[in-house]
mmCIF file of all heavy atoms, coordinates in Angstrom:
data_MODEL
# 
_entry.id   MODEL 
# 
loop_
_atom_site.group_PDB 
_atom_site.id 
_atom_site.type_symbol 
_atom_site.label_atom_id 
_atom_site.label_alt_id 
_atom_site.label_comp_id 
_atom_site.label_asym_id 
_atom_site.label_entity_id 
_atom_site.label_seq_id 
_atom_site.pdbx_PDB_ins_code 
_atom_site.Cartn_x 
_atom_site.Cartn_y 
_atom_site.Cartn_z 
_atom_site.occupancy 
_atom_site.B_iso_or_equiv 
_atom_site.pdbx_formal_charge 
_atom_site.auth_seq_id 
_atom_site.auth_comp_id 
_atom_site.auth_asym_id 
_atom_site.auth_atom_id 
_atom_site.pdbx_PDB_model_num 
ATOM 1   N N   . THR A 1 1  ? -14.469 -137.366 25.467 1.00 0.00 ? 1  THR A N   1 
ATOM 2   C CA  . THR A 1 1  ? -15.188 -138.619 25.266 1.00 0.00 ? 1  THR A CA  1 
ATOM 3   C C   . THR A 1 1  ? -15.971 -138.947 26.527 1.00 0.00 ? 1  THR A C   1 
ATOM 4   O O   . THR A 1 1  ? -15.633 -138.498 27.616 1.00 0.00 ? 1  THR A O   1 
ATOM 5   C CB  . THR A 1 1  ? -14.227 -139.777 24.935 1.00 0.00 ? 1  THR A CB  1 
ATOM 6   O OG1 . THR A 1 1  ? -13.273 -139.877 26.003 1.00 0.00 ? 1  THR A OG1 1 
ATOM 7   C CG2 . THR A 1 1  ? -13.506 -139.542 23.637 1.00 0.00 ? 1  THR A CG2 1 
ATOM 8   N N   . SER A 1 2  ? -16.993 -139.748 26.358 1.00 0.00 ? 2  SER A N   1 
ATOM 9   C CA  . SER A 1 2  ? -17.821 -140.116 27.491 1.00 0.00 ? 2  SER A CA  1 
ATOM 10  C C   . SER A 1 2  ? -18.481 -141.450 27.210 1.00 0.00 ? 2  SER A C   1 
ATOM 11  O O   . SER A 1 2  ? -18.632 -141.848 26.056 1.00 0.00 ? 2  SER A O   1 
ATOM 12  C CB  . SER A 1 2  ? -18.884 -139.042 27.728 1.00 0.00 ? 2  SER A CB  1 
ATOM 13  O OG  . SER A 1 2  ? -19.752 -139.442 28.755 1.00 0.00 ? 2  SER A OG  1 
ATOM 14  N N   . GLY A 1 3  ? -18.897 -142.099 28.275 1.00 0.00 ? 3  GLY A N   1 
ATOM 15  C CA  . GLY A 1 3  ? -19.572 -143.379 28.133 1.00 0.00 ? 3  GLY A CA  1 
ATOM 16  C C   . GLY A 1 3  ? -21.051 -143.250 27.829 1.00 0.00 ? 3  GLY A C   1 
ATOM 17  O O   . GLY A 1 3  ? -21.696 -144.206 27.467 1.00 0.00 ? 3  GLY A O   1 
ATOM 18  N N   . ASN A 1 4  ? -21.608 -142.032 27.947 1.00 0.00 ? 4  ASN A N   1 
ATOM 19  C CA  . ASN A 1 4  ? -23.032 -141.888 27.659 1.00 0.00 ? 4  ASN A CA  1 
ATOM 20  C C   . ASN A 1 4  ? -23.247 -140.955 26.465 1.00 0.00 ? 4  ASN A C   1 
ATOM 21  O O   . ASN A 1 4  ? -22.334 -140.270 26.021 1.00 0.00 ? 4  ASN A O   1 
ATOM 22  C CB  . ASN A 1 4  ? -23.799 -141.405 28.893 1.00 0.00 ? 4  ASN A CB  1 
ATOM 23  C CG  . ASN A 1 4  ? -23.394 -140.021 29.313 1.00 0.00 ? 4  ASN A CG  1 
ATOM 24  O OD1 . ASN A 1 4  ? -22.671 -139.330 28.630 1.00 0.00 ? 4  ASN A OD1 1 
ATOM 25  N ND2 . ASN A 1 4  ? -23.875 -139.599 30.459 1.00 0.00 ? 4  ASN A ND2 1 
ATOM 26  N N   . LYS A 1 5  ? -24.445 -140.917 25.952 1.00 0.00 ? 5  LYS A N   1 
ATOM 27  C CA  . LYS A 1 5  ? -24.729 -140.172 24.725 1.00 0.00 ? 5  LYS A CA  1 
ATOM 28  C C   . LYS A 1 5  ? -24.696 -138.658 24.920 1.00 0.00 ? 5  LYS A C   1 
ATOM 29  O O   . LYS A 1 5  ? -24.354 -137.919 24.012 1.00 0.00 ? 5  LYS A O   1 
ATOM 30  C CB  . LYS A 1 5  ? -26.086 -140.592 24.160 1.00 0.00 ? 5  LYS A CB  1 
ATOM 31  C CG  . LYS A 1 5  ? -26.088 -141.995 23.625 1.00 0.00 ? 5  LYS A CG  1 
ATOM 32  C CD  . LYS A 1 5  ? -27.435 -142.370 23.066 1.00 0.00 ? 5  LYS A CD  1 
ATOM 33  C CE  . LYS A 1 5  ? -27.399 -143.811 22.586 1.00 0.00 ? 5  LYS A CE  1 
ATOM 34  N NZ  . LYS A 1 5  ? -28.686 -144.229 22.043 1.00 0.00 ? 5  LYS A NZ  1 
ATOM 35  N N   . SER A 1 6  ? -25.049 -138.171 26.081 1.00 0.00 ? 6  SER A N   1 
ATOM 36  C CA  . SER A 1 6  ? -25.123 -136.722 26.286 1.00 0.00 ? 6  SER A CA  1 
ATOM 37  C C   . SER A 1 6  ? -23.766 -136.098 26.604 1.00 0.00 ? 6  SER A C   1 
ATOM 38  O O   . SER A 1 6  ? -23.648 -134.877 26.598 1.00 0.00 ? 6  SER A O   1 
ATOM 39  C CB  . SER A 1 6  ? -26.092 -136.405 27.422 1.00 0.00 ? 6  SER A CB  1 
ATOM 40  O OG  . SER A 1 6  ? -25.540 -136.826 28.652 1.00 0.00 ? 6  SER A OG  1 
ATOM 41  N N   . LYS A 1 7  ? -22.754 -136.884 26.863 1.00 0.00 ? 7  LYS A N   1 
ATOM 42  C CA  . LYS A 1 7  ? -21.427 -136.413 27.268 1.00 0.00 ? 7  LYS A CA  1 
ATOM 43  C C   . LYS A 1 7  ? -21.510 -135.520 28.514 1.00 0.00 ? 7  LYS A C   1 
ATOM 44  O O   . LYS A 1 7  ? -20.667 -134.682 28.747 1.00 0.00 ? 7  LYS A O   1 
ATOM 45  C CB  . LYS A 1 7  ? -20.735 -135.649 26.137 1.00 0.00 ? 7  LYS A CB  1 
ATOM 46  C CG  . LYS A 1 7  ? -20.313 -136.519 24.993 1.00 0.00 ? 7  LYS A CG  1 
ATOM 47  C CD  . LYS A 1 7  ? -19.436 -135.746 24.045 1.00 0.00 ? 7  LYS A CD  1 
ATOM 48  C CE  . LYS A 1 7  ? -18.960 -136.642 22.932 1.00 0.00 ? 7  LYS A CE  1 
ATOM 49  N NZ  . LYS A 1 7  ? -18.063 -135.979 22.031 1.00 0.00 ? 7  LYS A NZ  1 
ATOM 50  N N   . GLN A 1 8  ? -22.552 -135.709 29.283 1.00 0.00 ? 8  GLN A N   1 
ATOM 51  C CA  . GLN A 1 8  ? -22.758 -134.881 30.456 1.00 0.00 ? 8  GLN A CA  1 
ATOM 52  C C   . GLN A 1 8  ? -22.083 -135.480 31.690 1.00 0.00 ? 8  GLN A C   1 
ATOM 53  O O   . GLN A 1 8  ? -21.646 -134.761 32.563 1.00 0.00 ? 8  GLN A O   1 
ATOM 54  C CB  . GLN A 1 8  ? -24.255 -134.734 30.698 1.00 0.00 ? 8  GLN A CB  1 
ATOM 55  C CG  . GLN A 1 8  ? -24.617 -133.746 31.760 1.00 0.00 ? 8  GLN A CG  1 
ATOM 56  C CD  . GLN A 1 8  ? -26.116 -133.538 31.821 1.00 0.00 ? 8  GLN A CD  1 
ATOM 57  O OE1 . GLN A 1 8  ? -26.876 -134.221 31.160 1.00 0.00 ? 8  GLN A OE1 1 
ATOM 58  N NE2 . GLN A 1 8  ? -26.540 -132.589 32.629 1.00 0.00 ? 8  GLN A NE2 1 
ATOM 59  N N   . TRP A 1 9  ? -21.967 -136.800 31.746 1.00 0.00 ? 9  TRP A N   1 
ATOM 60  C CA  . TRP A 1 9  ? -21.431 -137.462 32.919 1.00 0.00 ? 9  TRP A CA  1 
ATOM 61  C C   . TRP A 1 9  ? -20.147 -138.192 32.574 1.00 0.00 ? 9  TRP A C   1 
ATOM 62  O O   . TRP A 1 9  ? -20.013 -138.804 31.531 1.00 0.00 ? 9  TRP A O   1 
ATOM 63  C CB  . TRP A 1 9  ? -22.448 -138.459 33.483 1.00 0.00 ? 9  TRP A CB  1 
ATOM 64  C CG  . TRP A 1 9  ? -23.799 -137.861 33.678 1.00 0.00 ? 9  TRP A CG  1 
ATOM 65  C CD1 . TRP A 1 9  ? -24.899 -138.057 32.896 1.00 0.00 ? 9  TRP A CD1 1 
ATOM 66  C CD2 . TRP A 1 9  ? -24.185 -136.942 34.689 1.00 0.00 ? 9  TRP A CD2 1 
ATOM 67  N NE1 . TRP A 1 9  ? -25.950 -137.329 33.356 1.00 0.00 ? 9  TRP A NE1 1 
ATOM 68  C CE2 . TRP A 1 9  ? -25.538 -136.617 34.478 1.00 0.00 ? 9  TRP A CE2 1 
ATOM 69  C CE3 . TRP A 1 9  ? -23.534 -136.344 35.754 1.00 0.00 ? 9  TRP A CE3 1 
ATOM 70  C CZ2 . TRP A 1 9  ? -26.244 -135.746 35.280 1.00 0.00 ? 9  TRP A CZ2 1 
ATOM 71  C CZ3 . TRP A 1 9  ? -24.244 -135.480 36.558 1.00 0.00 ? 9  TRP A CZ3 1 
ATOM 72  C CH2 . TRP A 1 9  ? -25.571 -135.194 36.326 1.00 0.00 ? 9  TRP A CH2 1 
ATOM 73  N N   . ASN A 1 10 ? -19.186 -138.120 33.475 1.00 0.00 ? 10 ASN A N   1 
ATOM 74  C CA  . ASN A 1 10 ? -17.926 -138.851 33.355 1.00 0.00 ? 10 ASN A CA  1 
ATOM 75  C C   . ASN A 1 10 ? -17.210 -138.541 32.042 1.00 0.00 ? 10 ASN A C   1 
ATOM 76  O O   . ASN A 1 10 ? -16.764 -139.426 31.324 1.00 0.00 ? 10 ASN A O   1 
ATOM 77  C CB  . ASN A 1 10 ? -18.166 -140.361 33.482 1.00 0.00 ? 10 ASN A CB  1 
ATOM 78  C CG  . ASN A 1 10 ? -16.898 -141.081 33.884 1.00 0.00 ? 10 ASN A CG  1 
ATOM 79  O OD1 . ASN A 1 10 ? -15.976 -140.478 34.409 1.00 0.00 ? 10 ASN A OD1 1 
ATOM 80  N ND2 . ASN A 1 10 ? -16.853 -142.367 33.633 1.00 0.00 ? 10 ASN A ND2 1 
ATOM 81  N N   . LYS A 1 11 ? -17.096 -137.249 31.732 1.00 0.00 ? 11 LYS A N   1 
ATOM 82  C CA  . LYS A 1 11 ? -16.437 -136.802 30.512 1.00 0.00 ? 11 LYS A CA  1 
ATOM 83  C C   . LYS A 1 11 ? -14.920 -136.848 30.690 1.00 0.00 ? 11 LYS A C   1 
ATOM 84  O O   . LYS A 1 11 ? -14.383 -136.389 31.688 1.00 0.00 ? 11 LYS A O   1 
ATOM 85  C CB  . LYS A 1 11 ? -16.879 -135.382 30.175 1.00 0.00 ? 11 LYS A CB  1 
ATOM 86  C CG  . LYS A 1 11 ? -16.307 -134.859 28.884 1.00 0.00 ? 11 LYS A CG  1 
ATOM 87  C CD  . LYS A 1 11 ? -16.741 -133.441 28.639 1.00 0.00 ? 11 LYS A CD  1 
ATOM 88  C CE  . LYS A 1 11 ? -15.743 -132.539 29.285 1.00 0.00 ? 11 LYS A CE  1 
ATOM 89  N NZ  . LYS A 1 11 ? -15.748 -131.169 28.876 1.00 0.00 ? 11 LYS A NZ  1 
ATOM 90  N N   . PHE A 1 12 ? -14.216 -137.421 29.724 1.00 0.00 ? 12 PHE A N   1 
ATOM 91  C CA  . PHE A 1 12 ? -12.760 -137.491 29.733 1.00 0.00 ? 12 PHE A CA  1 
ATOM 92  C C   . PHE A 1 12 ? -12.208 -136.676 28.580 1.00 0.00 ? 12 PHE A C   1 
ATOM 93  O O   . PHE A 1 12 ? -12.674 -136.797 27.446 1.00 0.00 ? 12 PHE A O   1 
ATOM 94  C CB  . PHE A 1 12 ? -12.274 -138.937 29.572 1.00 0.00 ? 12 PHE A CB  1 
ATOM 95  C CG  . PHE A 1 12 ? -12.363 -139.743 30.821 1.00 0.00 ? 12 PHE A CG  1 
ATOM 96  C CD1 . PHE A 1 12 ? -13.561 -140.335 31.193 1.00 0.00 ? 12 PHE A CD1 1 
ATOM 97  C CD2 . PHE A 1 12 ? -11.263 -139.908 31.633 1.00 0.00 ? 12 PHE A CD2 1 
ATOM 98  C CE1 . PHE A 1 12 ? -13.652 -141.078 32.347 1.00 0.00 ? 12 PHE A CE1 1 
ATOM 99  C CE2 . PHE A 1 12 ? -11.343 -140.653 32.789 1.00 0.00 ? 12 PHE A CE2 1 
ATOM 100 C CZ  . PHE A 1 12 ? -12.542 -141.242 33.153 1.00 0.00 ? 12 PHE A CZ  1 
ATOM 101 N N   . ASP A 1 13 ? -11.214 -135.840 28.857 1.00 0.00 ? 13 ASP A N   1 
ATOM 102 C CA  . ASP A 1 13 ? -10.465 -135.165 27.803 1.00 0.00 ? 13 ASP A CA  1 
ATOM 103 C C   . ASP A 1 13 ? -9.262  -136.049 27.489 1.00 0.00 ? 13 ASP A C   1 
ATOM 104 O O   . ASP A 1 13 ? -8.597  -136.542 28.397 1.00 0.00 ? 13 ASP A O   1 
ATOM 105 C CB  . ASP A 1 13 ? -9.991  -133.792 28.274 1.00 0.00 ? 13 ASP A CB  1 
ATOM 106 C CG  . ASP A 1 13 ? -11.143 -132.822 28.444 1.00 0.00 ? 13 ASP A CG  1 
ATOM 107 O OD1 . ASP A 1 13 ? -11.997 -132.788 27.547 1.00 0.00 ? 13 ASP A OD1 1 
ATOM 108 O OD2 . ASP A 1 13 ? -11.173 -132.116 29.457 1.00 0.00 ? 13 ASP A OD2 1 
ATOM 109 N N   . SER A 1 14 ? -8.988  -136.236 26.219 1.00 0.00 ? 14 SER A N   1 
ATOM 110 C CA  . SER A 1 14 ? -7.894  -137.139 25.850 1.00 0.00 ? 14 SER A CA  1 
ATOM 111 C C   . SER A 1 14 ? -7.046  -136.559 24.724 1.00 0.00 ? 14 SER A C   1 
ATOM 112 O O   . SER A 1 14 ? -7.502  -135.711 23.957 1.00 0.00 ? 14 SER A O   1 
ATOM 113 C CB  . SER A 1 14 ? -8.455  -138.500 25.418 1.00 0.00 ? 14 SER A CB  1 
ATOM 114 O OG  . SER A 1 14 ? -9.225  -138.350 24.252 1.00 0.00 ? 14 SER A OG  1 
ATOM 115 N N   . TRP A 1 15 ? -5.802  -137.050 24.642 1.00 0.00 ? 15 TRP A N   1 
ATOM 116 C CA  . TRP A 1 15 ? -4.852  -136.716 23.586 1.00 0.00 ? 15 TRP A CA  1 
ATOM 117 C C   . TRP A 1 15 ? -4.336  -138.012 22.975 1.00 0.00 ? 15 TRP A C   1 
ATOM 118 O O   . TRP A 1 15 ? -4.010  -138.950 23.694 1.00 0.00 ? 15 TRP A O   1 
ATOM 119 C CB  . TRP A 1 15 ? -3.669  -135.923 24.140 1.00 0.00 ? 15 TRP A CB  1 
ATOM 120 C CG  . TRP A 1 15 ? -3.992  -134.508 24.506 1.00 0.00 ? 15 TRP A CG  1 
ATOM 121 C CD1 . TRP A 1 15 ? -4.443  -134.054 25.706 1.00 0.00 ? 15 TRP A CD1 1 
ATOM 122 C CD2 . TRP A 1 15 ? -3.878  -133.367 23.671 1.00 0.00 ? 15 TRP A CD2 1 
ATOM 123 N NE1 . TRP A 1 15 ? -4.618  -132.704 25.671 1.00 0.00 ? 15 TRP A NE1 1 
ATOM 124 C CE2 . TRP A 1 15 ? -4.270  -132.243 24.430 1.00 0.00 ? 15 TRP A CE2 1 
ATOM 125 C CE3 . TRP A 1 15 ? -3.472  -133.178 22.347 1.00 0.00 ? 15 TRP A CE3 1 
ATOM 126 C CZ2 . TRP A 1 15 ? -4.275  -130.960 23.908 1.00 0.00 ? 15 TRP A CZ2 1 
ATOM 127 C CZ3 . TRP A 1 15 ? -3.478  -131.882 21.839 1.00 0.00 ? 15 TRP A CZ3 1 
ATOM 128 C CH2 . TRP A 1 15 ? -3.872  -130.791 22.619 1.00 0.00 ? 15 TRP A CH2 1 
ATOM 129 N N   . ASN A 1 16 ? -4.270  -138.061 21.657 1.00 0.00 ? 16 ASN A N   1 
ATOM 130 C CA  . ASN A 1 16 ? -3.722  -139.190 20.902 1.00 0.00 ? 16 ASN A CA  1 
ATOM 131 C C   . ASN A 1 16 ? -2.804  -138.631 19.821 1.00 0.00 ? 16 ASN A C   1 
ATOM 132 O O   . ASN A 1 16 ? -2.866  -137.438 19.503 1.00 0.00 ? 16 ASN A O   1 
ATOM 133 C CB  . ASN A 1 16 ? -4.833  -139.993 20.211 1.00 0.00 ? 16 ASN A CB  1 
ATOM 134 C CG  . ASN A 1 16 ? -5.833  -140.533 21.191 1.00 0.00 ? 16 ASN A CG  1 
ATOM 135 O OD1 . ASN A 1 16 ? -5.480  -141.236 22.112 1.00 0.00 ? 16 ASN A OD1 1 
ATOM 136 N ND2 . ASN A 1 16 ? -7.092  -140.181 21.012 1.00 0.00 ? 16 ASN A ND2 1 
ATOM 137 N N   . PHE A 1 17 ? -1.971  -139.489 19.234 1.00 0.00 ? 17 PHE A N   1 
ATOM 138 C CA  . PHE A 1 17 ? -1.183  -139.047 18.090 1.00 0.00 ? 17 PHE A CA  1 
ATOM 139 C C   . PHE A 1 17 ? -1.031  -140.191 17.097 1.00 0.00 ? 17 PHE A C   1 
ATOM 140 O O   . PHE A 1 17 ? -1.244  -141.354 17.419 1.00 0.00 ? 17 PHE A O   1 
ATOM 141 C CB  . PHE A 1 17 ? 0.188   -138.515 18.515 1.00 0.00 ? 17 PHE A CB  1 
ATOM 142 C CG  . PHE A 1 17 ? 1.216   -139.562 18.824 1.00 0.00 ? 17 PHE A CG  1 
ATOM 143 C CD1 . PHE A 1 17 ? 2.097   -139.998 17.839 1.00 0.00 ? 17 PHE A CD1 1 
ATOM 144 C CD2 . PHE A 1 17 ? 1.322   -140.107 20.082 1.00 0.00 ? 17 PHE A CD2 1 
ATOM 145 C CE1 . PHE A 1 17 ? 3.058   -140.954 18.117 1.00 0.00 ? 17 PHE A CE1 1 
ATOM 146 C CE2 . PHE A 1 17 ? 2.277   -141.065 20.372 1.00 0.00 ? 17 PHE A CE2 1 
ATOM 147 C CZ  . PHE A 1 17 ? 3.144   -141.491 19.389 1.00 0.00 ? 17 PHE A CZ  1 
ATOM 148 N N   . ARG A 1 18 ? -0.678  -139.814 15.885 1.00 0.00 ? 18 ARG A N   1 
ATOM 149 C CA  . ARG A 1 18 ? -0.355  -140.795 14.857 1.00 0.00 ? 18 ARG A CA  1 
ATOM 150 C C   . ARG A 1 18 ? 0.801   -140.263 14.029 1.00 0.00 ? 18 ARG A C   1 
ATOM 151 O O   . ARG A 1 18 ? 1.027   -139.048 13.954 1.00 0.00 ? 18 ARG A O   1 
ATOM 152 C CB  . ARG A 1 18 ? -1.561  -141.128 13.991 1.00 0.00 ? 18 ARG A CB  1 
ATOM 153 C CG  . ARG A 1 18 ? -2.053  -139.991 13.168 1.00 0.00 ? 18 ARG A CG  1 
ATOM 154 C CD  . ARG A 1 18 ? -3.261  -140.395 12.364 1.00 0.00 ? 18 ARG A CD  1 
ATOM 155 N NE  . ARG A 1 18 ? -3.649  -139.263 11.534 1.00 0.00 ? 18 ARG A NE  1 
ATOM 156 C CZ  . ARG A 1 18 ? -4.806  -139.123 10.981 1.00 0.00 ? 18 ARG A CZ  1 
ATOM 157 N NH1 . ARG A 1 18 ? -5.724  -140.034 11.160 1.00 0.00 ? 18 ARG A NH1 1 
ATOM 158 N NH2 . ARG A 1 18 ? -5.079  -138.087 10.238 1.00 0.00 ? 18 ARG A NH2 1 
ATOM 159 N N   . LEU A 1 19 ? 1.531   -141.166 13.404 1.00 0.00 ? 19 LEU A N   1 
ATOM 160 C CA  . LEU A 1 19 ? 2.686   -140.806 12.588 1.00 0.00 ? 19 LEU A CA  1 
ATOM 161 C C   . LEU A 1 19 ? 2.216   -140.526 11.167 1.00 0.00 ? 19 LEU A C   1 
ATOM 162 O O   . LEU A 1 19 ? 1.523   -141.347 10.568 1.00 0.00 ? 19 LEU A O   1 
ATOM 163 C CB  . LEU A 1 19 ? 3.708   -141.938 12.599 1.00 0.00 ? 19 LEU A CB  1 
ATOM 164 C CG  . LEU A 1 19 ? 4.164   -142.386 13.993 1.00 0.00 ? 19 LEU A CG  1 
ATOM 165 C CD1 . LEU A 1 19 ? 5.089   -143.578 13.873 1.00 0.00 ? 19 LEU A CD1 1 
ATOM 166 C CD2 . LEU A 1 19 ? 4.841   -141.250 14.725 1.00 0.00 ? 19 LEU A CD2 1 
ATOM 167 N N   . GLU A 1 20 ? 2.595   -139.399 10.617 1.00 0.00 ? 20 GLU A N   1 
ATOM 168 C CA  . GLU A 1 20 ? 2.121   -139.009 9.294  1.00 0.00 ? 20 GLU A CA  1 
ATOM 169 C C   . GLU A 1 20 ? 2.981   -139.557 8.158  1.00 0.00 ? 20 GLU A C   1 
ATOM 170 O O   . GLU A 1 20 ? 2.658   -139.350 7.008  1.00 0.00 ? 20 GLU A O   1 
ATOM 171 C CB  . GLU A 1 20 ? 2.020   -137.491 9.190  1.00 0.00 ? 20 GLU A CB  1 
ATOM 172 C CG  . GLU A 1 20 ? 0.860   -136.932 9.965  1.00 0.00 ? 20 GLU A CG  1 
ATOM 173 C CD  . GLU A 1 20 ? -0.477  -137.492 9.531  1.00 0.00 ? 20 GLU A CD  1 
ATOM 174 O OE1 . GLU A 1 20 ? -0.706  -137.689 8.319  1.00 0.00 ? 20 GLU A OE1 1 
ATOM 175 O OE2 . GLU A 1 20 ? -1.306  -137.745 10.411 1.00 0.00 ? 20 GLU A OE2 1 
ATOM 176 N N   . GLY A 1 21 ? 4.061   -140.240 8.451  1.00 0.00 ? 21 GLY A N   1 
ATOM 177 C CA  . GLY A 1 21 ? 4.900   -140.814 7.406  1.00 0.00 ? 21 GLY A CA  1 
ATOM 178 C C   . GLY A 1 21 ? 4.360   -142.124 6.860  1.00 0.00 ? 21 GLY A C   1 
ATOM 179 O O   . GLY A 1 21 ? 4.898   -142.661 5.894  1.00 0.00 ? 21 GLY A O   1 
ATOM 180 N N   . LEU A 1 22 ? 3.297   -142.633 7.451  1.00 0.00 ? 22 LEU A N   1 
ATOM 181 C CA  . LEU A 1 22 ? 2.713   -143.897 7.010  1.00 0.00 ? 22 LEU A CA  1 
ATOM 182 C C   . LEU A 1 22 ? 1.801   -143.675 5.816  1.00 0.00 ? 22 LEU A C   1 
ATOM 183 O O   . LEU A 1 22 ? 1.343   -142.561 5.563  1.00 0.00 ? 22 LEU A O   1 
ATOM 184 C CB  . LEU A 1 22 ? 1.916   -144.529 8.152  1.00 0.00 ? 22 LEU A CB  1 
ATOM 185 C CG  . LEU A 1 22 ? 2.680   -144.846 9.430  1.00 0.00 ? 22 LEU A CG  1 
ATOM 186 C CD1 . LEU A 1 22 ? 1.722   -145.297 10.517 1.00 0.00 ? 22 LEU A CD1 1 
ATOM 187 C CD2 . LEU A 1 22 ? 3.730   -145.893 9.173  1.00 0.00 ? 22 LEU A CD2 1 
ATOM 188 N N   . SER A 1 23 ? 1.496   -144.742 5.104  1.00 0.00 ? 23 SER A N   1 
ATOM 189 C CA  . SER A 1 23 ? 0.551   -144.646 3.998  1.00 0.00 ? 23 SER A CA  1 
ATOM 190 C C   . SER A 1 23 ? -0.831  -144.319 4.553  1.00 0.00 ? 23 SER A C   1 
ATOM 191 O O   . SER A 1 23 ? -1.105  -144.525 5.736  1.00 0.00 ? 23 SER A O   1 
ATOM 192 C CB  . SER A 1 23 ? 0.515   -145.956 3.214  1.00 0.00 ? 23 SER A CB  1 
ATOM 193 O OG  . SER A 1 23 ? -0.072  -146.978 4.002  1.00 0.00 ? 23 SER A OG  1 
ATOM 194 N N   . LYS A 1 24 ? -1.709  -143.852 3.677  1.00 0.00 ? 24 LYS A N   1 
ATOM 195 C CA  . LYS A 1 24 ? -3.062  -143.493 4.115  1.00 0.00 ? 24 LYS A CA  1 
ATOM 196 C C   . LYS A 1 24 ? -3.785  -144.696 4.716  1.00 0.00 ? 24 LYS A C   1 
ATOM 197 O O   . LYS A 1 24 ? -4.482  -144.589 5.721  1.00 0.00 ? 24 LYS A O   1 
ATOM 198 C CB  . LYS A 1 24 ? -3.841  -142.936 2.925  1.00 0.00 ? 24 LYS A CB  1 
ATOM 199 C CG  . LYS A 1 24 ? -5.081  -142.204 3.288  1.00 0.00 ? 24 LYS A CG  1 
ATOM 200 C CD  . LYS A 1 24 ? -5.654  -141.511 2.068  1.00 0.00 ? 24 LYS A CD  1 
ATOM 201 C CE  . LYS A 1 24 ? -6.676  -140.501 2.496  1.00 0.00 ? 24 LYS A CE  1 
ATOM 202 N NZ  . LYS A 1 24 ? -7.195  -139.742 1.383  1.00 0.00 ? 24 LYS A NZ  1 
# 
């Protein structure tokens, strides 16, 4: 992810998760 459109500057790699037992 990045704060600018080109993703060229200040790029962050991130990890997220969600629980799959929940309703859609």
